[in-house]
Amino acid sequence: MTESMERPRLAHGRVKETGRSGGNRGAGWLVPAALIVLSAVPVIAGAARLSQLTGGGPVTADNARFFASPVPVVAHIVAVTLFSVLGALQFAAGLRRRAPRLHRVLGRVLVPSGIVTALSGLWMTVFYPHPPADHALLTGMRLVFGTAMLVSVVLGFAAIRRRDVARHRAWMTRGYAIGMGAGTQVLTTVPWVVVAGQPGPLPRALLLGAGWLINIAVAEWVVRRGARMPASSRGAK
């Protein structure tokens, strides 16, 4: 009789454990899903720009520079779309654990995408005519953050070539955070527009800069939190 009572208990325990495992798998996709949502606005805006360029849209003072030299902006849009969407999947711990080969394949796409994103952004900052709404401070910030993204991605690639996984994750997290600045900039800019209307050149530069800084702060928190975790816990994530 004792044995027959133990079996239901064990079965019940297995059901509860399976339920917890399913819950953990679901929770593991919250961060990638949030990152994809964050990238949705700039990705949609990029798709609209591509449609405008390829479909012969109207040329205005705001987009004339893109029509005059479309290759850099097209490369930037395609690369940042790959970088933001596929990069979000790299934050799914369960995917890294269960499909390490897929993680590596995505990485082989993400590294060149990140490099093209940064280089094309720097090229456009230096060589495209600056719109009247762009303050000199914004130009400087684009140069600084674009360079920082490029360096982060290159250092992340160099680290994984040395099989230094911890540094690889840290640098790629920083590079991804900078690349996702456009998504966070929507969140910093829209409230100002709703309350006070379109910002002037200096407020706009500060609002866009805040988006980058918020992302970098979150990335550093993630990196430092991961560094404080035991190695066994990091491997399980």
Protein backbone atom coordinates (compact mmCIF):
# COMPACT_ATOMS: atom_id res chain seq x y z
CA MET A 1 0.00 0.00 0.00
CA THR A 2 2.87 2.37 0.74
CA GLU A 3 4.30 1.72 -2.72
CA SER A 4 0.99 2.47 -4.40
CA MET A 5 0.74 5.74 -2.48
CA GLU A 6 4.29 6.73 -3.42
CA ARG A 7 3.67 6.41 -7.14
CA PRO A 8 1.03 9.15 -7.33
CA ARG A 9 3.24 11.42 -5.26
CA LEU A 10 6.19 10.89 -7.60
CA ALA A 11 4.00 11.39 -10.62
CA HIS A 12 2.59 14.54 -9.07
CA GLY A 13 6.11 15.78 -8.40
CA ARG A 14 7.10 15.16 -12.00
CA VAL A 15 4.08 17.11 -13.22
CA LYS A 16 4.97 20.05 -11.01
CA GLU A 17 8.60 19.93 -12.13
CA THR A 18 7.55 19.84 -15.79
CA GLY A 19 5.29 22.80 -15.18
CA ARG A 20 8.14 24.77 -13.66
CA SER A 21 10.38 23.87 -16.60
CA GLY A 22 7.75 25.07 -19.05
CA GLY A 23 7.39 28.29 -17.08
CA ASN A 24 11.15 28.86 -17.14
CA ARG A 25 11.25 28.29 -20.88
CA GLY A 26 8.49 30.84 -21.32
CA ALA A 27 10.24 33.36 -19.07
CA GLY A 28 13.48 32.84 -21.02
CA TRP A 29 11.84 34.30 -24.12
CA LEU A 30 10.60 37.46 -22.41
CA VAL A 31 13.84 39.40 -22.99
CA PRO A 32 14.20 38.44 -26.69
CA ALA A 33 10.51 39.26 -27.27
CA ALA A 34 10.90 42.65 -25.57
CA LEU A 35 13.98 43.41 -27.66
CA ILE A 36 12.16 42.53 -30.89
CA VAL A 37 9.29 44.82 -29.87
CA LEU A 38 11.82 47.57 -29.07
CA SER A 39 13.34 47.23 -32.52
CA ALA A 40 9.95 47.20 -34.27
CA VAL A 41 9.65 50.97 -34.80
CA PRO A 42 13.11 51.54 -36.34
CA VAL A 43 12.78 48.34 -38.42
CA ILE A 44 9.41 49.48 -39.77
CA ALA A 45 10.79 52.96 -40.41
CA GLY A 46 13.73 51.42 -42.25
CA ALA A 47 11.40 49.28 -44.37
CA ALA A 48 9.40 52.39 -45.25
CA ARG A 49 12.61 54.18 -46.25
CA LEU A 50 13.64 51.26 -48.46
CA SER A 51 10.21 51.25 -50.09
CA GLN A 52 10.53 54.97 -50.69
CA LEU A 53 13.97 54.63 -52.28
CA THR A 54 13.15 51.60 -54.45
CA GLY A 55 9.66 52.76 -55.35
CA GLY A 56 10.63 56.21 -56.56
CA GLY A 57 9.05 58.15 -53.72
CA PRO A 58 8.99 61.95 -53.65
CA VAL A 59 12.31 63.70 -53.07
CA THR A 60 12.20 66.21 -50.21
CA ALA A 61 14.72 68.28 -48.30
CA ASP A 62 14.75 65.60 -45.58
CA ASN A 63 15.51 62.64 -47.84
CA ALA A 64 17.36 64.17 -50.80
CA ARG A 65 20.71 62.97 -49.41
CA PHE A 66 19.47 59.36 -49.41
CA PHE A 67 18.35 59.53 -53.04
CA ALA A 68 21.65 61.14 -54.03
CA SER A 69 23.68 58.33 -52.41
CA PRO A 70 21.42 55.39 -51.53
CA VAL A 71 23.99 52.60 -51.02
CA PRO A 72 25.07 53.55 -47.45
CA VAL A 73 21.51 53.99 -46.15
CA VAL A 74 20.30 50.76 -47.80
CA ALA A 75 23.27 48.85 -46.32
CA HIS A 76 22.56 50.42 -42.93
CA ILE A 77 18.87 49.51 -42.95
CA VAL A 78 19.43 45.89 -44.02
CA ALA A 79 22.32 45.38 -41.58
CA VAL A 80 20.64 46.96 -38.56
CA THR A 81 17.46 44.96 -39.21
CA LEU A 82 19.41 41.70 -39.14
CA PHE A 83 21.46 42.86 -36.17
CA SER A 84 18.50 43.91 -34.05
CA VAL A 85 16.10 41.02 -34.78
CA LEU A 86 18.57 38.12 -34.91
CA GLY A 87 20.57 39.63 -32.06
CA ALA A 88 17.50 39.49 -29.84
CA LEU A 89 17.44 35.70 -30.27
CA GLN A 90 20.97 35.46 -28.86
CA PHE A 91 19.58 36.57 -25.49
CA ALA A 92 17.37 33.46 -25.30
CA ALA A 93 19.32 31.37 -22.79
CA GLY A 94 17.40 28.21 -23.60
CA LEU A 95 18.20 28.56 -27.30
CA ARG A 96 21.91 28.94 -26.55
CA ARG A 97 21.80 25.86 -24.37
CA ARG A 98 19.67 23.60 -26.58
CA ALA A 99 20.92 24.77 -29.99
CA PRO A 100 24.53 25.97 -29.66
CA ARG A 101 25.13 25.44 -33.38
CA LEU A 102 22.28 27.82 -34.24
CA HIS A 103 23.75 30.34 -31.80
CA ARG A 104 27.06 30.16 -33.66
CA VAL A 105 25.39 30.43 -37.08
CA LEU A 106 23.47 33.52 -35.98
CA GLY A 107 26.71 34.95 -34.62
CA ARG A 108 28.33 34.60 -38.05
CA VAL A 109 25.56 36.79 -39.44
CA LEU A 110 25.47 39.22 -36.52
CA VAL A 111 29.15 40.17 -36.45
CA PRO A 112 29.31 41.39 -40.08
CA SER A 113 25.85 42.94 -39.70
CA GLY A 114 27.02 44.88 -36.64
CA ILE A 115 30.18 46.03 -38.39
CA VAL A 116 28.24 47.18 -41.48
CA THR A 117 25.69 48.93 -39.24
CA ALA A 118 28.39 50.88 -37.43
CA LEU A 119 30.50 51.69 -40.51
CA SER A 120 27.54 52.79 -42.63
CA GLY A 121 26.25 54.93 -39.77
CA LEU A 122 29.66 56.59 -39.42
CA TRP A 123 29.89 57.11 -43.20
CA MET A 124 26.49 58.80 -43.30
CA THR A 125 27.40 61.00 -40.32
CA VAL A 126 30.61 62.18 -41.95
CA PHE A 127 29.66 62.43 -45.63
CA TYR A 128 25.92 63.07 -45.84
CA PRO A 129 24.83 66.73 -45.65
CA HIS A 130 23.54 67.44 -42.14
CA PRO A 131 19.82 68.31 -41.92
CA PRO A 132 18.97 71.61 -40.16
CA ALA A 133 17.42 69.65 -37.26
CA ASP A 134 20.78 68.01 -36.46
CA HIS A 135 22.71 69.85 -33.76
CA ALA A 136 26.51 69.63 -33.78
CA LEU A 137 26.25 67.76 -30.46
CA LEU A 138 24.20 65.04 -32.17
CA THR A 139 26.84 64.69 -34.89
CA GLY A 140 29.50 64.24 -32.23
CA MET A 141 27.43 61.66 -30.36
CA ARG A 142 26.80 59.67 -33.53
CA LEU A 143 30.53 59.52 -34.16
CA VAL A 144 31.28 58.47 -30.57
CA PHE A 145 28.55 55.84 -30.26
CA GLY A 146 29.09 54.51 -33.80
CA THR A 147 32.79 54.05 -33.06
CA ALA A 148 31.98 52.45 -29.69
CA MET A 149 29.61 49.99 -31.38
CA LEU A 150 32.21 49.07 -33.98
CA VAL A 151 34.89 48.52 -31.33
CA SER A 152 32.51 46.47 -29.15
CA VAL A 153 31.54 44.10 -31.98
CA VAL A 154 35.17 43.65 -33.08
CA LEU A 155 36.30 42.98 -29.49
CA GLY A 156 33.40 40.55 -29.03
CA PHE A 157 34.46 38.66 -32.16
CA ALA A 158 38.11 38.65 -31.07
CA ALA A 159 37.11 37.31 -27.65
CA ILE A 160 35.17 34.34 -29.03
CA ARG A 161 38.06 33.53 -31.35
CA ARG A 162 40.12 33.16 -28.15
CA ARG A 163 37.21 31.13 -26.67
CA ASP A 164 36.77 33.77 -23.98
CA VAL A 165 33.01 33.40 -23.69
CA ALA A 166 32.55 35.84 -20.79
CA ARG A 167 34.26 38.73 -22.59
CA HIS A 168 32.53 37.80 -25.83
CA ARG A 169 29.12 38.09 -24.19
CA ALA A 170 30.06 41.32 -22.46
CA TRP A 171 31.28 43.10 -25.58
CA MET A 172 28.49 41.82 -27.81
CA THR A 173 25.94 42.94 -25.21
CA ARG A 174 27.46 46.44 -25.26
CA GLY A 175 27.53 46.54 -29.06
CA TYR A 176 23.93 45.35 -29.28
CA ALA A 177 22.81 47.94 -26.74
CA ILE A 178 24.31 50.75 -28.81
CA GLY A 179 22.83 49.35 -32.02
CA MET A 180 19.40 49.29 -30.38
CA GLY A 181 19.64 52.99 -29.53
CA ALA A 182 17.07 53.91 -32.19
CA GLY A 183 14.41 51.84 -30.42
CA THR A 184 14.97 53.47 -27.04
CA GLN A 185 15.16 56.89 -28.67
CA VAL A 186 11.53 56.48 -29.68
CA LEU A 187 10.69 56.09 -25.98
CA THR A 188 12.71 59.17 -24.97
CA THR A 189 11.45 61.38 -27.80
CA VAL A 190 7.73 60.58 -28.09
CA PRO A 191 6.75 61.89 -24.61
CA TRP A 192 8.44 65.23 -25.40
CA VAL A 193 6.59 65.44 -28.74
CA VAL A 194 3.26 64.65 -27.09
CA VAL A 195 3.74 67.24 -24.33
CA ALA A 196 5.69 70.02 -26.03
CA GLY A 197 5.68 69.34 -29.77
CA GLN A 198 8.69 68.73 -31.98
CA PRO A 199 11.95 69.42 -30.09
CA GLY A 200 14.50 71.91 -31.35
CA PRO A 201 17.98 70.80 -32.45
CA LEU A 202 19.60 70.81 -28.98
CA PRO A 203 16.72 69.16 -27.07
CA ARG A 204 16.45 66.58 -29.85
CA ALA A 205 20.17 65.82 -29.56
CA LEU A 206 19.84 65.41 -25.78
CA LEU A 207 16.79 63.15 -26.12
CA LEU A 208 18.52 60.93 -28.65
CA GLY A 209 21.65 60.86 -26.51
CA ALA A 210 19.53 59.77 -23.55
CA GLY A 211 18.39 56.74 -25.55
CA TRP A 212 21.97 55.59 -26.09
CA LEU A 213 22.95 56.25 -22.49
CA ILE A 214 19.97 54.30 -21.12
CA ASN A 215 20.89 51.32 -23.27
CA ILE A 216 24.53 51.46 -22.25
CA ALA A 217 23.58 51.66 -18.56
CA VAL A 218 21.31 48.61 -18.89
CA ALA A 219 24.02 46.72 -20.79
CA GLU A 220 26.60 47.42 -18.08
CA TRP A 221 24.14 46.26 -15.43
CA VAL A 222 23.58 43.02 -17.36
CA VAL A 223 27.34 42.49 -17.85
CA ARG A 224 28.18 43.14 -14.19
CA ARG A 225 25.29 40.98 -12.99
CA GLY A 226 26.52 38.14 -15.17
CA ALA A 227 30.08 38.57 -13.88
CA ARG A 228 28.88 38.24 -10.26
CA MET A 229 26.99 35.00 -10.95
CA PRO A 230 28.70 31.65 -10.30
CA ALA A 231 30.06 29.98 -13.42
CA SER A 232 27.61 27.11 -13.04
CA SER A 233 24.66 29.52 -13.00
CA ARG A 234 25.92 31.34 -16.09
CA GLY A 235 26.20 28.07 -17.93
CA ALA A 236 22.63 27.19 -17.05
CA LYS A 237 21.28 30.38 -18.49
